[in-house]
C-alpha cells in the first residue's frame, strides 16, 4: 500500500505505519506529526532519534523501556505524545508499530 506524505510516495501498511524506513526524512516526520496534531519541538526530535536508533539496533520497544532509557521519563513521554505515546511516536519516527502495542 502507498500514500503521499510530504509530497513523497511512501510505502505504508494497513495501519499507516511506514514499511520502508529509508523513505523517512524530517519532512515526512513533520507531516506525520501534523496528522497526529503534534508540532515537533527539539525535545520531540530527541525522542524520535532515540526510537529510530533503538529500531536500527533491533531493540524491542515498550513504554517501560522508553521510560528507563534516560532519554525521556514516562510522564514526559506522555506529555510529548499524549495520544497513545508509543504508537504515535513510532509512526512519526517512520518505524514499525512495536509488538507491545495492540
PDB file of N, CA and C in Angstrom:
ATOM      1  N   UNK A   1       0.834  -1.169   0.000  1.00  0.00           N
ATOM      2  CA  UNK A   1       0.000   0.000   0.000  1.00  0.00           C
ATOM      3  C   UNK A   1       0.892   1.250   0.000  1.00  0.00           C
ATOM      4  N   UNK A   2       0.440   2.277  -0.670  1.00  0.00           N
ATOM      5  CA  UNK A   2       1.215   3.511  -0.724  1.00  0.00           C
ATOM      6  C   UNK A   2       0.311   4.709  -0.464  1.00  0.00           C
ATOM      7  N   UNK A   3       0.930   5.759   0.047  1.00  0.00           N
ATOM      8  CA  UNK A   3       0.222   7.036   0.183  1.00  0.00           C
ATOM      9  C   UNK A   3       1.225   8.163   0.028  1.00  0.00           C
ATOM     10  N   UNK A   4       0.722   9.347  -0.239  1.00  0.00           N
ATOM     11  CA  UNK A   4       1.585  10.507  -0.408  1.00  0.00           C
ATOM     12  C   UNK A   4       1.689  11.243   0.919  1.00  0.00           C
ATOM     13  N   UNK A   5       2.925  11.405   1.375  1.00  0.00           N
ATOM     14  CA  UNK A   5       3.209  12.119   2.616  1.00  0.00           C
ATOM     15  C   UNK A   5       4.304  13.124   2.302  1.00  0.00           C
ATOM     16  N   UNK A   6       4.057  14.379   2.606  1.00  0.00           N
ATOM     17  CA  UNK A   6       5.028  15.457   2.353  1.00  0.00           C
ATOM     18  C   UNK A   6       5.505  15.445   0.899  1.00  0.00           C
ATOM     19  N   UNK A   7       4.577  15.156  -0.018  1.00  0.00           N
ATOM     20  CA  UNK A   7       4.899  15.181  -1.435  1.00  0.00           C
ATOM     21  C   UNK A   7       5.656  13.977  -1.949  1.00  0.00           C
ATOM     22  N   UNK A   8       5.862  12.971  -1.093  1.00  0.00           N
ATOM     23  CA  UNK A   8       6.586  11.764  -1.494  1.00  0.00           C
ATOM     24  C   UNK A   8       5.640  10.570  -1.440  1.00  0.00           C
ATOM     25  N   UNK A   9       5.831   9.618  -2.339  1.00  0.00           N
ATOM     26  CA  UNK A   9       5.067   8.378  -2.291  1.00  0.00           C
ATOM     27  C   UNK A   9       5.760   7.456  -1.310  1.00  0.00           C
ATOM     28  N   UNK A  10       5.020   7.077  -0.265  1.00  0.00           N
ATOM     29  CA  UNK A  10       5.583   6.303   0.838  1.00  0.00           C
ATOM     30  C   UNK A  10       4.844   4.968   0.963  1.00  0.00           C
ATOM     31  N   UNK A  11       5.600   3.889   1.162  1.00  0.00           N
ATOM     32  CA  UNK A  11       5.010   2.569   1.399  1.00  0.00           C
ATOM     33  C   UNK A  11       4.569   2.477   2.858  1.00  0.00           C
ATOM     34  N   UNK A  12       3.298   2.140   3.065  1.00  0.00           N
ATOM     35  CA  UNK A  12       2.748   2.007   4.413  1.00  0.00           C
ATOM     36  C   UNK A  12       1.961   0.709   4.526  1.00  0.00           C
ATOM     37  N   UNK A  13       1.744   0.282   5.776  1.00  0.00           N
ATOM     38  CA  UNK A  13       0.891  -0.886   5.989  1.00  0.00           C
ATOM     39  C   UNK A  13      -0.550  -0.429   6.187  1.00  0.00           C
ATOM     40  N   UNK A  14      -1.431  -1.369   6.495  1.00  0.00           N
ATOM     41  CA  UNK A  14      -2.857  -1.045   6.630  1.00  0.00           C
ATOM     42  C   UNK A  14      -3.151  -0.106   7.794  1.00  0.00           C
ATOM     43  N   UNK A  15      -2.234   0.004   8.761  1.00  0.00           N
ATOM     44  CA  UNK A  15      -2.427   0.917   9.891  1.00  0.00           C
ATOM     45  C   UNK A  15      -1.760   2.278   9.667  1.00  0.00           C
ATOM     46  N   UNK A  16      -1.098   2.441   8.525  1.00  0.00           N
ATOM     47  CA  UNK A  16      -0.465   3.714   8.204  1.00  0.00           C
ATOM     48  C   UNK A  16       0.979   3.835   8.646  1.00  0.00           C
ATOM     49  N   UNK A  17       1.562   2.761   9.188  1.00  0.00           N
ATOM     50  CA  UNK A  17       2.972   2.782   9.580  1.00  0.00           C
ATOM     51  C   UNK A  17       3.835   2.554   8.343  1.00  0.00           C
ATOM     52  N   UNK A  18       4.913   3.298   8.260  1.00  0.00           N
ATOM     53  CA  UNK A  18       5.822   3.151   7.132  1.00  0.00           C
ATOM     54  C   UNK A  18       6.431   1.748   7.131  1.00  0.00           C
ATOM     55  N   UNK A  19       6.610   1.187   5.937  1.00  0.00           N
ATOM     56  CA  UNK A  19       7.205  -0.146   5.832  1.00  0.00           C
ATOM     57  C   UNK A  19       8.628  -0.105   5.292  1.00  0.00           C
ATOM     58  N   UNK A  20       9.082   1.079   4.886  1.00  0.00           N
ATOM     59  CA  UNK A  20      10.444   1.230   4.379  1.00  0.00           C
ATOM     60  C   UNK A  20      11.052   2.479   5.017  1.00  0.00           C
ATOM     61  N   UNK A  21      11.836   2.262   6.076  1.00  0.00           N
ATOM     62  CA  UNK A  21      12.400   3.392   6.814  1.00  0.00           C
ATOM     63  C   UNK A  21      13.262   4.291   5.941  1.00  0.00           C
ATOM     64  N   UNK A  22      13.849   3.758   4.887  1.00  0.00           N
ATOM     65  CA  UNK A  22      14.720   4.577   4.028  1.00  0.00           C
ATOM     66  C   UNK A  22      13.939   5.712   3.350  1.00  0.00           C
ATOM     67  N   UNK A  23      12.622   5.632   3.324  1.00  0.00           N
ATOM     68  CA  UNK A  23      11.809   6.687   2.730  1.00  0.00           C
ATOM     69  C   UNK A  23      11.556   7.835   3.709  1.00  0.00           C
ATOM     70  N   UNK A  24      11.882   7.648   4.979  1.00  0.00           N
ATOM     71  CA  UNK A  24      11.614   8.654   6.002  1.00  0.00           C
ATOM     72  C   UNK A  24      12.642   9.781   5.920  1.00  0.00           C
ATOM     73  N   UNK A  25      12.173  10.995   6.118  1.00  0.00           N
ATOM     74  CA  UNK A  25      13.054  12.136   6.336  1.00  0.00           C
ATOM     75  C   UNK A  25      12.313  13.083   7.280  1.00  0.00           C
ATOM     76  N   UNK A  26      12.943  14.173   7.668  1.00  0.00           N
ATOM     77  CA  UNK A  26      12.328  15.057   8.657  1.00  0.00           C
ATOM     78  C   UNK A  26      11.031  15.679   8.146  1.00  0.00           C
ATOM     79  N   UNK A  27      10.937  15.941   6.856  1.00  0.00           N
ATOM     80  CA  UNK A  27       9.692  16.497   6.293  1.00  0.00           C
ATOM     81  C   UNK A  27       8.553  15.483   6.435  1.00  0.00           C
ATOM     82  N   UNK A  28       8.851  14.226   6.184  1.00  0.00           N
ATOM     83  CA  UNK A  28       7.847  13.171   6.353  1.00  0.00           C
ATOM     84  C   UNK A  28       7.457  13.085   7.831  1.00  0.00           C
ATOM     85  N   UNK A  29       8.444  13.136   8.719  1.00  0.00           N
ATOM     86  CA  UNK A  29       8.172  13.110  10.157  1.00  0.00           C
ATOM     87  C   UNK A  29       7.286  14.270  10.584  1.00  0.00           C
ATOM     88  N   UNK A  30       7.559  15.450  10.055  1.00  0.00           N
ATOM     89  CA  UNK A  30       6.739  16.625  10.388  1.00  0.00           C
ATOM     90  C   UNK A  30       5.310  16.457   9.886  1.00  0.00           C
ATOM     91  N   UNK A  31       5.146  15.896   8.688  1.00  0.00           N
ATOM     92  CA  UNK A  31       3.809  15.680   8.133  1.00  0.00           C
ATOM     93  C   UNK A  31       3.047  14.640   8.956  1.00  0.00           C
ATOM     94  N   UNK A  32       3.722  13.574   9.350  1.00  0.00           N
ATOM     95  CA  UNK A  32       3.073  12.545  10.175  1.00  0.00           C
ATOM     96  C   UNK A  32       2.705  13.115  11.545  1.00  0.00           C
ATOM     97  N   UNK A  33       3.557  13.962  12.083  1.00  0.00           N
ATOM     98  CA  UNK A  33       3.258  14.604  13.367  1.00  0.00           C
ATOM     99  C   UNK A  33       2.037  15.511  13.237  1.00  0.00           C
ATOM    100  N   UNK A  34       1.954  16.267  12.150  1.00  0.00           N
ATOM    101  CA  UNK A  34       0.813  17.156  11.936  1.00  0.00           C
ATOM    102  C   UNK A  34      -0.487  16.350  11.872  1.00  0.00           C
ATOM    103  N   UNK A  35      -0.439  15.163  11.249  1.00  0.00           N
ATOM    104  CA  UNK A  35      -1.620  14.296  11.192  1.00  0.00           C
ATOM    105  C   UNK A  35      -2.058  13.871  12.590  1.00  0.00           C
ATOM    106  N   UNK A  36      -1.090  13.790  13.508  1.00  0.00           N
ATOM    107  CA  UNK A  36      -1.385  13.411  14.897  1.00  0.00           C
ATOM    108  C   UNK A  36      -1.616  14.646  15.771  1.00  0.00           C
ATOM    109  N   UNK A  37      -1.757  15.803  15.125  1.00  0.00           N
ATOM    110  CA  UNK A  37      -1.971  17.078  15.834  1.00  0.00           C
ATOM    111  C   UNK A  37      -0.815  17.436  16.761  1.00  0.00           C
ATOM    112  N   UNK A  38       0.406  17.166  16.310  1.00  0.00           N
ATOM    113  CA  UNK A  38       1.603  17.495  17.077  1.00  0.00           C
ATOM    114  C   UNK A  38       2.452  18.500  16.305  1.00  0.00           C
ATOM    115  N   UNK A  39       3.043  19.415  17.028  1.00  0.00           N
ATOM    116  CA  UNK A  39       4.061  20.301  16.484  1.00  0.00           C
ATOM    117  C   UNK A  39       5.364  19.875  17.131  1.00  0.00           C
ATOM    118  N   UNK A  40       6.303  19.431  16.310  1.00  0.00           N
ATOM    119  CA  UNK A  40       7.540  18.868  16.854  1.00  0.00           C
ATOM    120  C   UNK A  40       8.482  19.946  17.379  1.00  0.00           C
ATOM    121  N   UNK A  41       8.944  19.715  18.593  1.00  0.00           N
ATOM    122  CA  UNK A  41       9.927  20.581  19.243  1.00  0.00           C
ATOM    123  C   UNK A  41      11.271  19.855  19.237  1.00  0.00           C
ATOM    124  N   UNK A  42      12.362  20.534  19.613  1.00  0.00           N
ATOM    125  CA  UNK A  42      13.640  19.832  19.717  1.00  0.00           C
ATOM    126  C   UNK A  42      13.562  18.616  20.647  1.00  0.00           C
ATOM    127  N   UNK A  43      12.745  18.690  21.671  1.00  0.00           N
ATOM    128  CA  UNK A  43      12.601  17.559  22.599  1.00  0.00           C
ATOM    129  C   UNK A  43      11.937  16.363  21.908  1.00  0.00           C
ATOM    130  N   UNK A  44      10.932  16.627  21.096  1.00  0.00           N
ATOM    131  CA  UNK A  44      10.302  15.551  20.315  1.00  0.00           C
ATOM    132  C   UNK A  44      11.355  14.870  19.432  1.00  0.00           C
ATOM    133  N   UNK A  45      12.173  15.698  18.763  1.00  0.00           N
ATOM    134  CA  UNK A  45      13.178  15.143  17.859  1.00  0.00           C
ATOM    135  C   UNK A  45      14.172  14.254  18.600  1.00  0.00           C
ATOM    136  N   UNK A  46      14.551  14.635  19.818  1.00  0.00           N
ATOM    137  CA  UNK A  46      15.459  13.789  20.613  1.00  0.00           C
ATOM    138  C   UNK A  46      14.851  12.408  20.833  1.00  0.00           C
ATOM    139  N   UNK A  47      13.591  12.391  21.207  1.00  0.00           N
ATOM    140  CA  UNK A  47      12.905  11.116  21.469  1.00  0.00           C
ATOM    141  C   UNK A  47      12.772  10.322  20.172  1.00  0.00           C
ATOM    142  N   UNK A  48      12.418  10.977  19.074  1.00  0.00           N
ATOM    143  CA  UNK A  48      12.279  10.283  17.793  1.00  0.00           C
ATOM    144  C   UNK A  48      13.603   9.664  17.355  1.00  0.00           C
ATOM    145  N   UNK A  49      14.688  10.400  17.507  1.00  0.00           N
ATOM    146  CA  UNK A  49      16.008   9.867  17.126  1.00  0.00           C
ATOM    147  C   UNK A  49      16.375   8.664  17.999  1.00  0.00           C
ATOM    148  N   UNK A  50      16.052   8.737  19.292  1.00  0.00           N
ATOM    149  CA  UNK A  50      16.297   7.605  20.189  1.00  0.00           C
ATOM    150  C   UNK A  50      15.522   6.369  19.690  1.00  0.00           C
ATOM    151  N   UNK A  51      14.239   6.548  19.383  1.00  0.00           N
ATOM    152  CA  UNK A  51      13.417   5.428  18.919  1.00  0.00           C
ATOM    153  C   UNK A  51      13.967   4.846  17.622  1.00  0.00           C
ATOM    154  N   UNK A  52      14.393   5.717  16.706  1.00  0.00           N
ATOM    155  CA  UNK A  52      14.961   5.239  15.446  1.00  0.00           C
ATOM    156  C   UNK A  52      16.244   4.450  15.676  1.00  0.00           C
ATOM    157  N   UNK A  53      17.098   4.927  16.577  1.00  0.00           N
ATOM    158  CA  UNK A  53      18.341   4.209  16.877  1.00  0.00           C
ATOM    159  C   UNK A  53      18.057   2.854  17.496  1.00  0.00           C
ATOM    160  N   UNK A  54      17.088   2.797  18.396  1.00  0.00           N
ATOM    161  CA  UNK A  54      16.723   1.513  19.005  1.00  0.00           C
ATOM    162  C   UNK A  54      16.208   0.556  17.929  1.00  0.00           C
ATOM    163  N   UNK A  55      15.410   1.068  17.016  1.00  0.00           N
ATOM    164  CA  UNK A  55      14.887   0.242  15.919  1.00  0.00           C
ATOM    165  C   UNK A  55      16.038  -0.288  15.052  1.00  0.00           C
ATOM    166  N   UNK A  56      16.975   0.599  14.714  1.00  0.00           N
ATOM    167  CA  UNK A  56      18.117   0.188  13.886  1.00  0.00           C
ATOM    168  C   UNK A  56      18.939  -0.895  14.584  1.00  0.00           C
ATOM    169  N   UNK A  57      18.987  -0.839  15.915  1.00  0.00           N
ATOM    170  CA  UNK A  57      19.721  -1.836  16.695  1.00  0.00           C
ATOM    171  C   UNK A  57      18.863  -3.047  17.052  1.00  0.00           C
ATOM    172  N   UNK A  58      17.665  -3.108  16.468  1.00  0.00           N
ATOM    173  CA  UNK A  58      16.728  -4.217  16.651  1.00  0.00           C
ATOM    174  C   UNK A  58      16.342  -4.458  18.105  1.00  0.00           C
ATOM    175  N   UNK A  59      16.187  -3.368  18.851  1.00  0.00           N
ATOM    176  CA  UNK A  59      15.763  -3.443  20.245  1.00  0.00           C
ATOM    177  C   UNK A  59      14.236  -3.348  20.270  1.00  0.00           C
ATOM    178  N   UNK A  60      13.595  -4.283  20.953  1.00  0.00           N
ATOM    179  CA  UNK A  60      12.137  -4.262  21.070  1.00  0.00           C
ATOM    180  C   UNK A  60      11.727  -3.070  21.942  1.00  0.00           C
ATOM    181  N   UNK A  61      10.841  -2.258  21.426  1.00  0.00           N
ATOM    182  CA  UNK A  61      10.423  -1.056  22.144  1.00  0.00           C
ATOM    183  C   UNK A  61       9.178  -1.307  22.978  1.00  0.00           C
ATOM    184  N   UNK A  62       9.152  -0.688  24.142  1.00  0.00           N
ATOM    185  CA  UNK A  62       7.975  -0.707  25.006  1.00  0.00           C
ATOM    186  C   UNK A  62       7.966   0.597  25.789  1.00  0.00           C
ATOM    187  N   UNK A  63       6.810   0.942  26.336  1.00  0.00           N
ATOM    188  CA  UNK A  63       6.711   2.159  27.153  1.00  0.00           C
ATOM    189  C   UNK A  63       7.720   2.069  28.294  1.00  0.00           C
ATOM    190  N   UNK A  64       7.801   0.908  28.914  1.00  0.00           N
ATOM    191  CA  UNK A  64       8.704   0.706  30.050  1.00  0.00           C
ATOM    192  C   UNK A  64      10.161   0.967  29.642  1.00  0.00           C
ATOM    193  N   UNK A  65      10.570   0.404  28.501  1.00  0.00           N
ATOM    194  CA  UNK A  65      11.954   0.591  28.028  1.00  0.00           C
ATOM    195  C   UNK A  65      12.227   2.066  27.744  1.00  0.00           C
ATOM    196  N   UNK A  66      11.291   2.735  27.107  1.00  0.00           N
ATOM    197  CA  UNK A  66      11.467   4.157  26.807  1.00  0.00           C
ATOM    198  C   UNK A  66      11.591   4.944  28.113  1.00  0.00           C
ATOM    199  N   UNK A  67      10.745   4.620  29.086  1.00  0.00           N
ATOM    200  CA  UNK A  67      10.780   5.308  30.382  1.00  0.00           C
ATOM    201  C   UNK A  67      12.076   5.108  31.139  1.00  0.00           C
ATOM    202  N   UNK A  68      12.744   3.976  30.896  1.00  0.00           N
ATOM    203  CA  UNK A  68      14.015   3.681  31.582  1.00  0.00           C
ATOM    204  C   UNK A  68      15.227   4.041  30.736  1.00  0.00           C
ATOM    205  N   UNK A  69      14.992   4.679  29.586  1.00  0.00           N
ATOM    206  CA  UNK A  69      16.066   4.944  28.633  1.00  0.00           C
ATOM    207  C   UNK A  69      17.049   6.008  29.092  1.00  0.00           C
ATOM    208  N   UNK A  70      16.601   6.896  29.974  1.00  0.00           N
ATOM    209  CA  UNK A  70      17.431   8.030  30.337  1.00  0.00           C
ATOM    210  C   UNK A  70      17.256   9.189  29.362  1.00  0.00           C
ATOM    211  N   UNK A  71      16.535   8.946  28.271  1.00  0.00           N
ATOM    212  CA  UNK A  71      16.272   9.984  27.276  1.00  0.00           C
ATOM    213  C   UNK A  71      15.029  10.769  27.673  1.00  0.00           C
ATOM    214  N   UNK A  72      14.015  10.054  28.132  1.00  0.00           N
ATOM    215  CA  UNK A  72      12.740  10.663  28.498  1.00  0.00           C
ATOM    216  C   UNK A  72      12.087   9.770  29.552  1.00  0.00           C
ATOM    217  N   UNK A  73      11.442  10.382  30.550  1.00  0.00           N
ATOM    218  CA  UNK A  73      10.715   9.545  31.506  1.00  0.00           C
ATOM    219  C   UNK A  73       9.285   9.362  31.001  1.00  0.00           C
ATOM    220  N   UNK A  74       8.568   8.449  31.614  1.00  0.00           N
ATOM    221  CA  UNK A  74       7.236   8.105  31.131  1.00  0.00           C
ATOM    222  C   UNK A  74       6.289   9.306  31.166  1.00  0.00           C
ATOM    223  N   UNK A  75       6.367  10.091  32.226  1.00  0.00           N
ATOM    224  CA  UNK A  75       5.478  11.251  32.346  1.00  0.00           C
ATOM    225  C   UNK A  75       5.702  12.232  31.193  1.00  0.00           C
ATOM    226  N   UNK A  76       6.957  12.529  30.898  1.00  0.00           N
ATOM    227  CA  UNK A  76       7.252  13.455  29.801  1.00  0.00           C
ATOM    228  C   UNK A  76       6.893  12.835  28.453  1.00  0.00           C
ATOM    229  N   UNK A  77       7.111  11.530  28.305  1.00  0.00           N
ATOM    230  CA  UNK A  77       6.770  10.832  27.061  1.00  0.00           C
ATOM    231  C   UNK A  77       5.279  11.006  26.768  1.00  0.00           C
ATOM    232  N   UNK A  78       4.446  10.837  27.797  1.00  0.00           N
ATOM    233  CA  UNK A  78       3.006  11.029  27.635  1.00  0.00           C
ATOM    234  C   UNK A  78       2.677  12.494  27.363  1.00  0.00           C
ATOM    235  N   UNK A  79       3.442  13.414  27.909  1.00  0.00           N
ATOM    236  CA  UNK A  79       3.209  14.840  27.657  1.00  0.00           C
ATOM    237  C   UNK A  79       3.578  15.200  26.219  1.00  0.00           C
ATOM    238  N   UNK A  80       4.659  14.625  25.705  1.00  0.00           N
ATOM    239  CA  UNK A  80       5.098  14.912  24.340  1.00  0.00           C
ATOM    240  C   UNK A  80       4.184  14.279  23.296  1.00  0.00           C
ATOM    241  N   UNK A  81       3.748  13.049  23.568  1.00  0.00           N
ATOM    242  CA  UNK A  81       2.913  12.287  22.640  1.00  0.00           C
ATOM    243  C   UNK A  81       1.664  11.820  23.392  1.00  0.00           C
ATOM    244  N   UNK A  82       0.718  12.745  23.636  1.00  0.00           N
ATOM    245  CA  UNK A  82      -0.390  12.475  24.557  1.00  0.00           C
ATOM    246  C   UNK A  82      -1.339  11.341  24.168  1.00  0.00           C
ATOM    247  N   UNK A  83      -1.548  11.117  22.903  1.00  0.00           N
ATOM    248  CA  UNK A  83      -2.484  10.072  22.488  1.00  0.00           C
ATOM    249  C   UNK A  83      -1.715   8.816  22.099  1.00  0.00           C
ATOM    250  N   UNK A  84      -1.761   7.771  22.906  1.00  0.00           N
ATOM    251  CA  UNK A  84      -1.035   6.526  22.616  1.00  0.00           C
ATOM    252  C   UNK A  84       0.425   6.834  22.295  1.00  0.00           C
ATOM    253  N   UNK A  85       1.218   7.227  23.272  1.00  0.00           N
ATOM    254  CA  UNK A  85       2.561   7.750  23.010  1.00  0.00           C
ATOM    255  C   UNK A  85       3.476   6.854  22.184  1.00  0.00           C
ATOM    256  N   UNK A  86       3.551   5.580  22.484  1.00  0.00           N
ATOM    257  CA  UNK A  86       4.486   4.730  21.741  1.00  0.00           C
ATOM    258  C   UNK A  86       4.009   4.520  20.309  1.00  0.00           C
ATOM    259  N   UNK A  87       2.713   4.308  20.115  1.00  0.00           N
ATOM    260  CA  UNK A  87       2.182   4.160  18.761  1.00  0.00           C
ATOM    261  C   UNK A  87       2.417   5.426  17.946  1.00  0.00           C
ATOM    262  N   UNK A  88       2.087   6.571  18.528  1.00  0.00           N
ATOM    263  CA  UNK A  88       2.228   7.840  17.820  1.00  0.00           C
ATOM    264  C   UNK A  88       3.688   8.145  17.519  1.00  0.00           C
ATOM    265  N   UNK A  89       4.547   7.991  18.519  1.00  0.00           N
ATOM    266  CA  UNK A  89       5.964   8.320  18.341  1.00  0.00           C
ATOM    267  C   UNK A  89       6.623   7.426  17.296  1.00  0.00           C
ATOM    268  N   UNK A  90       6.320   6.132  17.303  1.00  0.00           N
ATOM    269  CA  UNK A  90       6.941   5.249  16.318  1.00  0.00           C
ATOM    270  C   UNK A  90       6.426   5.543  14.917  1.00  0.00           C
ATOM    271  N   UNK A  91       5.140   5.909  14.809  1.00  0.00           N
ATOM    272  CA  UNK A  91       4.595   6.247  13.485  1.00  0.00           C
ATOM    273  C   UNK A  91       5.294   7.494  12.947  1.00  0.00           C
ATOM    274  N   UNK A  92       5.446   8.516  13.786  1.00  0.00           N
ATOM    275  CA  UNK A  92       6.109   9.753  13.367  1.00  0.00           C
ATOM    276  C   UNK A  92       7.583   9.488  13.033  1.00  0.00           C
ATOM    277  N   UNK A  93       8.204   8.575  13.773  1.00  0.00           N
ATOM    278  CA  UNK A  93       9.615   8.238  13.550  1.00  0.00           C
ATOM    279  C   UNK A  93       9.823   7.378  12.307  1.00  0.00           C
ATOM    280  N   UNK A  94       8.728   6.886  11.720  1.00  0.00           N
ATOM    281  CA  UNK A  94       8.842   6.103  10.489  1.00  0.00           C
ATOM    282  C   UNK A  94       9.226   4.656  10.708  1.00  0.00           C
ATOM    283  N   UNK A  95       9.025   4.159  11.926  1.00  0.00           N
ATOM    284  CA  UNK A  95       9.399   2.773  12.234  1.00  0.00           C
ATOM    285  C   UNK A  95       8.139   1.958  12.528  1.00  0.00           C
ATOM    286  N   UNK A  96       8.224   0.626  12.453  1.00  0.00           N
ATOM    287  CA  UNK A  96       7.039  -0.202  12.657  1.00  0.00           C
ATOM    288  C   UNK A  96       6.443  -0.068  14.050  1.00  0.00           C
ATOM    289  N   UNK A  97       5.135  -0.320  14.127  1.00  0.00           N
ATOM    290  CA  UNK A  97       4.463  -0.319  15.421  1.00  0.00           C
ATOM    291  C   UNK A  97       5.066  -1.430  16.273  1.00  0.00           C
ATOM    292  N   UNK A  98       5.471  -1.111  17.507  1.00  0.00           N
ATOM    293  CA  UNK A  98       6.067  -2.136  18.362  1.00  0.00           C
ATOM    294  C   UNK A  98       5.088  -3.273  18.669  1.00  0.00           C
ATOM    295  N   UNK A  99       5.634  -4.459  18.824  1.00  0.00           N
ATOM    296  CA  UNK A  99       4.818  -5.633  19.134  1.00  0.00           C
ATOM    297  C   UNK A  99       4.076  -5.442  20.455  1.00  0.00           C
ATOM    298  N   UNK A 100       4.608  -4.608  21.343  1.00  0.00           N
ATOM    299  CA  UNK A 100       3.987  -4.400  22.646  1.00  0.00           C
ATOM    300  C   UNK A 100       2.721  -3.554  22.552  1.00  0.00           C
ATOM    301  N   UNK A 101       2.473  -2.948  21.399  1.00  0.00           N
ATOM    302  CA  UNK A 101       1.278  -2.110  21.202  1.00  0.00           C
ATOM    303  C   UNK A 101       0.179  -2.941  20.540  1.00  0.00           C
ATOM    304  N   UNK A 102      -1.017  -2.810  21.097  1.00  0.00           N
ATOM    305  CA  UNK A 102      -2.139  -3.544  20.494  1.00  0.00           C
ATOM    306  C   UNK A 102      -3.020  -2.629  19.686  1.00  0.00           C
TER     307      UNK A 102
END
